Amino acid sequence: MDNKKQSELRCYEMTQAYVETCVSKKVRKYINSVFPICNHENTIINEERPDFVIQGDNAIYAVEHFMVDFCFDGPRNNQSQSKRANHDIFNIYKNYHDDNIGTIQDSDIVKATADIEEEINKIMNISCSFDYEQFVESFRRIFKQHYLRVEDYRMNKSCTNTPKVGFMIELHCDTHFMYAIWNGSIVSFKGRHRSFPLTKEIVDLFRSATNLDFVIVTQFEEGIPNEAKDVRLYEPRNMDRSISEQDITIYDKICYPDIKKKAKLEVEEDET
């Protein structure tokens, strides 16, 4: 299995694990009523267009996975900082992890620590370049690129019957120091569970995608996809139900403090 398919499957499995263990019974029941992700009897077929065909007990689901950009370097490098951070973290692991001993060789500790320190500092400062309008523009562009292919997903050869079609969107984001604007007031998330806020523009985007049966958004820490931090499911043809069932607040805008000086973290080897 190539790295792309491994990444897609990892997102699916971490989404499943989060829904099984971290959401309330009420929300879990709602999510599984739309897309039974917690059913381990599902048959998962790895495909392209869409990425997964899921054969459930009573229906077939065509699921397309993609990642959206938290901070996009369009004017400069035409790259997603989130995707680049995710790729660089994976390369550090691949370069230094020794399968024979299950960890890093002692001879590589100094170099690995320096590489980890450099990458952590990149990740810590991504939110300094966050621009809400640019985030929404990038989200719309990527979403619509995949939405244009919905009928291709529906006609996949592995779908023996007409499937339900959905997106699984992977969002890596920095939620430290995040706040939002709601009805003209600033809302701070300090000390609370930091799920990435849903805003009106994204609600309108999902609501307009009426050829989809569901959209799952799985949130990860920026550049560190070791476990899902939040999962929400939306029904484009019934957004009011989705918002009500999951008790979601719709904000006007997402913001971060205007920090001019970048933070720097120094990583040291633990000699114990």
Protein backbone atom coordinates (compact mmCIF):
# COMPACT_ATOMS: atom_id res chain seq x y z
CA MET A 1 0.00 0.00 0.00
CA ASP A 2 1.49 3.39 -0.98
CA ASN A 3 1.84 6.36 1.36
CA LYS A 4 -1.26 8.10 -0.03
CA LYS A 5 -3.52 5.12 0.61
CA GLN A 6 -1.93 4.59 4.04
CA SER A 7 -2.70 8.22 4.92
CA GLU A 8 -6.29 7.89 3.73
CA LEU A 9 -6.85 4.69 5.68
CA ARG A 10 -5.23 6.18 8.78
CA CYS A 11 -7.65 9.11 8.64
CA TYR A 12 -10.60 6.72 8.32
CA GLU A 13 -9.43 4.57 11.25
CA MET A 14 -8.72 7.57 13.50
CA THR A 15 -12.12 9.04 12.64
CA GLN A 16 -13.71 5.73 13.56
CA ALA A 17 -11.75 5.54 16.85
CA TYR A 18 -12.76 9.07 17.83
CA VAL A 19 -16.45 8.46 17.16
CA GLU A 20 -16.32 5.20 19.13
CA THR A 21 -14.58 6.60 22.20
CA CYS A 22 -14.84 10.39 22.40
CA VAL A 23 -18.30 11.56 21.34
CA SER A 24 -21.45 11.28 23.40
CA LYS A 25 -23.82 8.36 22.95
CA LYS A 26 -26.38 10.70 21.39
CA VAL A 27 -23.96 12.12 18.81
CA ARG A 28 -22.48 8.69 18.07
CA LYS A 29 -25.97 7.35 17.37
CA TYR A 30 -26.66 10.26 15.02
CA ILE A 31 -23.38 9.88 13.10
CA ASN A 32 -23.87 6.14 12.67
CA SER A 33 -27.45 6.64 11.51
CA VAL A 34 -26.11 8.59 8.54
CA PHE A 35 -22.85 6.72 7.95
CA PRO A 36 -22.25 3.60 10.12
CA ILE A 37 -18.53 4.19 10.61
CA CYS A 38 -18.43 2.27 13.91
CA ASN A 39 -19.58 -0.95 12.26
CA HIS A 40 -16.43 -3.08 12.11
CA GLU A 41 -18.24 -5.57 9.89
CA ASN A 42 -18.15 -3.06 7.03
CA THR A 43 -16.13 -4.18 4.02
CA ILE A 44 -13.68 -1.43 3.03
CA ILE A 45 -12.49 -1.43 -0.57
CA ASN A 46 -9.59 0.90 -1.39
CA GLU A 47 -10.29 2.64 -4.67
CA GLU A 48 -9.63 5.84 -6.61
CA ARG A 49 -12.57 8.15 -7.32
CA PRO A 50 -13.69 7.63 -4.61
CA ASP A 51 -10.97 6.60 -2.18
CA PHE A 52 -13.20 4.11 -0.32
CA VAL A 53 -16.19 2.02 -1.20
CA ILE A 54 -17.76 0.85 2.07
CA GLN A 55 -20.16 -2.08 1.95
CA GLY A 56 -22.39 -1.84 5.01
CA ASP A 57 -25.24 -4.03 6.19
CA ASN A 58 -27.97 -2.09 4.42
CA ALA A 59 -26.23 0.27 1.99
CA ILE A 60 -23.08 1.03 0.04
CA TYR A 61 -21.12 4.22 0.70
CA ALA A 62 -18.75 5.92 -1.73
CA VAL A 63 -16.36 8.03 0.37
CA GLU A 64 -13.85 10.49 -1.05
CA HIS A 65 -11.07 11.61 1.30
CA PHE A 66 -9.15 14.87 0.93
CA MET A 67 -7.29 17.39 3.04
CA VAL A 68 -8.12 21.09 3.19
CA ASP A 69 -5.65 23.88 3.82
CA PHE A 70 -5.46 25.65 7.17
CA CYS A 71 -2.80 28.07 5.94
CA PHE A 72 -2.18 28.25 2.22
CA ASP A 73 0.99 29.68 0.64
CA GLY A 74 -0.73 30.41 -2.65
CA PRO A 75 0.86 33.81 -3.42
CA ARG A 76 4.33 32.48 -2.59
CA ASN A 77 4.78 28.75 -3.06
CA ASN A 78 1.34 27.48 -4.09
CA GLN A 79 1.55 24.99 -1.24
CA SER A 80 -0.42 24.09 1.84
CA GLN A 81 1.64 24.66 4.97
CA SER A 82 -0.44 21.96 6.68
CA LYS A 83 0.32 19.37 4.00
CA ARG A 84 4.00 20.31 3.99
CA ALA A 85 4.23 20.00 7.79
CA ASN A 86 2.45 16.64 7.70
CA HIS A 87 4.81 15.41 4.97
CA ASP A 88 7.93 16.62 6.81
CA ILE A 89 6.90 15.00 10.11
CA PHE A 90 6.32 11.70 8.31
CA ASN A 91 9.75 11.96 6.65
CA ILE A 92 11.47 12.48 10.01
CA TYR A 93 9.83 9.33 11.33
CA LYS A 94 10.72 7.40 8.17
CA ASN A 95 14.34 8.61 8.18
CA TYR A 96 15.14 7.82 11.81
CA HIS A 97 12.82 5.03 12.94
CA ASP A 98 14.66 1.69 13.02
CA ASP A 99 12.17 -1.16 12.67
CA ASN A 100 14.67 -3.61 14.14
CA ILE A 101 14.76 -1.86 17.53
CA GLY A 102 11.42 -0.04 17.35
CA THR A 103 12.94 3.41 17.96
CA ILE A 104 15.82 5.72 16.97
CA GLN A 105 19.42 4.52 16.93
CA ASP A 106 21.62 6.21 19.57
CA SER A 107 23.93 7.43 16.83
CA ASP A 108 21.04 9.37 15.23
CA ILE A 109 19.70 11.05 18.38
CA VAL A 110 21.47 14.40 17.97
CA LYS A 111 20.53 14.83 14.30
CA ALA A 112 16.96 13.59 14.86
CA THR A 113 16.49 15.99 17.79
CA ALA A 114 17.66 18.92 15.64
CA ASP A 115 15.27 17.97 12.83
CA ILE A 116 12.36 17.55 15.26
CA GLU A 117 13.12 20.93 16.86
CA GLU A 118 13.16 22.63 13.45
CA GLU A 119 9.85 21.06 12.43
CA ILE A 120 8.11 21.79 15.75
CA ASN A 121 9.06 25.45 15.42
CA LYS A 122 7.61 25.57 11.90
CA ILE A 123 4.35 24.04 13.14
CA MET A 124 4.15 26.34 16.18
CA ASN A 125 4.20 29.42 13.97
CA ILE A 126 1.85 28.39 11.17
CA SER A 127 -1.09 30.16 12.82
CA CYS A 128 0.85 33.46 12.61
CA SER A 129 0.05 33.47 8.88
CA PHE A 130 -3.61 32.42 9.20
CA ASP A 131 -5.95 34.49 7.07
CA TYR A 132 -9.64 33.66 7.44
CA GLU A 133 -10.74 34.89 4.01
CA GLN A 134 -7.91 32.96 2.36
CA PHE A 135 -8.84 29.86 4.40
CA VAL A 136 -12.45 30.01 3.16
CA GLU A 137 -11.35 30.61 -0.43
CA SER A 138 -9.01 27.60 -0.30
CA PHE A 139 -11.66 25.43 1.41
CA ARG A 140 -14.21 26.29 -1.29
CA ARG A 141 -11.78 25.66 -4.13
CA ILE A 142 -10.70 22.22 -2.91
CA PHE A 143 -14.25 21.22 -1.96
CA LYS A 144 -15.65 22.19 -5.35
CA GLN A 145 -12.87 20.37 -7.22
CA HIS A 146 -14.00 17.13 -5.59
CA TYR A 147 -17.69 17.96 -5.77
CA LEU A 148 -17.48 18.16 -9.57
CA ARG A 149 -16.63 14.43 -9.55
CA VAL A 150 -19.58 13.23 -7.45
CA GLU A 151 -21.16 11.32 -10.33
CA ASP A 152 -17.82 9.60 -11.01
CA TYR A 153 -17.78 8.43 -7.39
CA ARG A 154 -21.36 7.21 -7.66
CA MET A 155 -20.56 5.15 -10.77
CA ASN A 156 -17.48 3.38 -9.35
CA LYS A 157 -17.25 -0.24 -10.52
CA SER A 158 -17.11 -1.52 -6.92
CA CYS A 159 -20.55 -0.06 -6.19
CA THR A 160 -22.91 -2.93 -6.93
CA ASN A 161 -25.90 -0.74 -6.08
CA THR A 162 -26.43 3.00 -6.11
CA PRO A 163 -24.26 4.23 -3.22
CA LYS A 164 -24.63 7.03 -0.75
CA VAL A 165 -21.83 9.49 -1.48
CA GLY A 166 -19.87 11.43 1.10
CA PHE A 167 -16.67 13.35 1.74
CA MET A 168 -14.19 12.72 4.55
CA ILE A 169 -12.29 15.99 4.99
CA GLU A 170 -9.02 15.93 6.91
CA LEU A 171 -8.22 19.24 8.63
CA HIS A 172 -4.90 19.82 10.38
CA CYS A 173 -5.08 23.04 12.38
CA ASP A 174 -3.47 24.94 15.23
CA THR A 175 -6.13 25.68 17.86
CA HIS A 176 -3.83 27.33 20.42
CA PHE A 177 -4.75 31.02 20.99
CA MET A 178 -7.67 30.64 18.58
CA TYR A 179 -10.76 32.77 19.04
CA ALA A 180 -13.86 33.54 16.99
CA ILE A 181 -16.29 36.32 16.23
CA TRP A 182 -19.95 35.57 17.01
CA ASN A 183 -22.69 38.17 16.61
CA GLY A 184 -20.07 40.92 16.84
CA SER A 185 -18.49 39.60 20.05
CA ILE A 186 -15.13 37.90 20.58
CA VAL A 187 -15.37 34.32 21.86
CA SER A 188 -12.28 32.80 23.48
CA PHE A 189 -11.78 29.03 23.64
CA LYS A 190 -9.12 29.09 26.37
CA GLY A 191 -9.46 26.12 28.69
CA ARG A 192 -12.11 24.42 26.57
CA HIS A 193 -12.09 21.51 24.14
CA ARG A 194 -10.64 23.16 21.07
CA SER A 195 -12.67 22.00 18.11
CA PHE A 196 -12.16 24.17 15.04
CA PRO A 197 -15.19 26.51 14.85
CA LEU A 198 -17.79 26.11 12.13
CA THR A 199 -18.54 29.38 10.33
CA LYS A 200 -21.39 30.62 8.17
CA GLU A 201 -19.40 30.43 4.92
CA ILE A 202 -18.63 26.74 5.46
CA VAL A 203 -22.25 26.00 6.44
CA ASP A 204 -23.42 27.63 3.20
CA LEU A 205 -20.86 25.62 1.21
CA PHE A 206 -22.02 22.33 2.72
CA ARG A 207 -25.70 23.25 2.41
CA SER A 208 -25.28 23.90 -1.32
CA ALA A 209 -23.73 20.44 -1.93
CA THR A 210 -27.07 18.66 -2.25
CA ASN A 211 -25.67 15.79 -4.34
CA LEU A 212 -23.80 14.59 -1.25
CA ASP A 213 -25.36 12.47 1.49
CA PHE A 214 -22.84 13.47 4.16
CA VAL A 215 -19.64 15.37 4.86
CA ILE A 216 -17.35 14.27 7.69
CA VAL A 217 -14.74 16.72 9.00
CA THR A 218 -11.95 15.14 11.05
CA GLN A 219 -9.64 17.50 12.89
CA PHE A 220 -6.00 16.83 13.80
CA GLU A 221 -3.33 18.88 15.52
CA GLU A 222 -1.29 20.82 12.99
CA GLY A 223 1.27 18.49 11.42
CA ILE A 224 0.86 15.81 14.13
CA PRO A 225 -1.74 13.25 12.94
CA ASN A 226 -1.31 10.78 15.82
CA GLU A 227 -5.00 10.87 16.79
CA ALA A 228 -8.17 12.70 15.80
CA LYS A 229 -9.06 15.69 17.98
CA ASP A 230 -12.62 16.22 16.75
CA VAL A 231 -15.12 14.70 14.32
CA ARG A 232 -18.31 16.27 12.98
CA LEU A 233 -20.75 14.97 10.38
CA TYR A 234 -22.96 17.19 8.23
CA GLU A 235 -25.88 16.33 5.97
CA PRO A 236 -25.97 18.90 3.13
CA ARG A 237 -29.69 18.32 2.56
CA ASN A 238 -30.44 18.56 6.28
CA MET A 239 -27.88 20.92 7.81
CA ASP A 240 -30.29 22.12 10.50
CA ARG A 241 -30.56 18.56 11.80
CA SER A 242 -26.77 18.10 11.79
CA ILE A 243 -26.23 21.33 13.72
CA SER A 244 -28.96 20.52 16.24
CA GLU A 245 -27.98 16.88 16.85
CA GLN A 246 -24.34 17.83 17.53
CA ASP A 247 -25.12 21.08 19.38
CA ILE A 248 -22.88 23.10 17.04
CA THR A 249 -22.49 26.88 17.23
CA ILE A 250 -22.09 28.72 13.92
CA TYR A 251 -19.57 31.57 14.16
CA ASP A 252 -18.93 34.52 11.87
CA LYS A 253 -15.15 34.30 11.62
CA ILE A 254 -12.05 32.56 13.02
CA CYS A 255 -9.15 34.67 14.29
CA TYR A 256 -5.71 34.40 15.86
CA PRO A 257 -3.73 37.08 17.72
CA ASP A 258 -1.64 39.33 15.49
CA ILE A 259 1.73 38.03 16.67
CA LYS A 260 4.63 39.70 14.84
CA LYS A 261 7.48 37.81 16.50
CA LYS A 262 7.71 34.09 15.93
CA ALA A 263 8.07 31.78 18.92
CA LYS A 264 11.03 29.40 19.14
CA LEU A 265 11.22 26.16 21.08
CA GLU A 266 14.47 24.38 21.92
CA VAL A 267 14.37 20.59 22.15
CA GLU A 268 16.90 18.75 24.31
CA GLU A 269 17.70 15.07 24.55
CA ASP A 270 16.48 13.38 27.73
CA GLU A 271 19.59 11.83 29.24
CA THR A 272 17.79 9.81 31.93
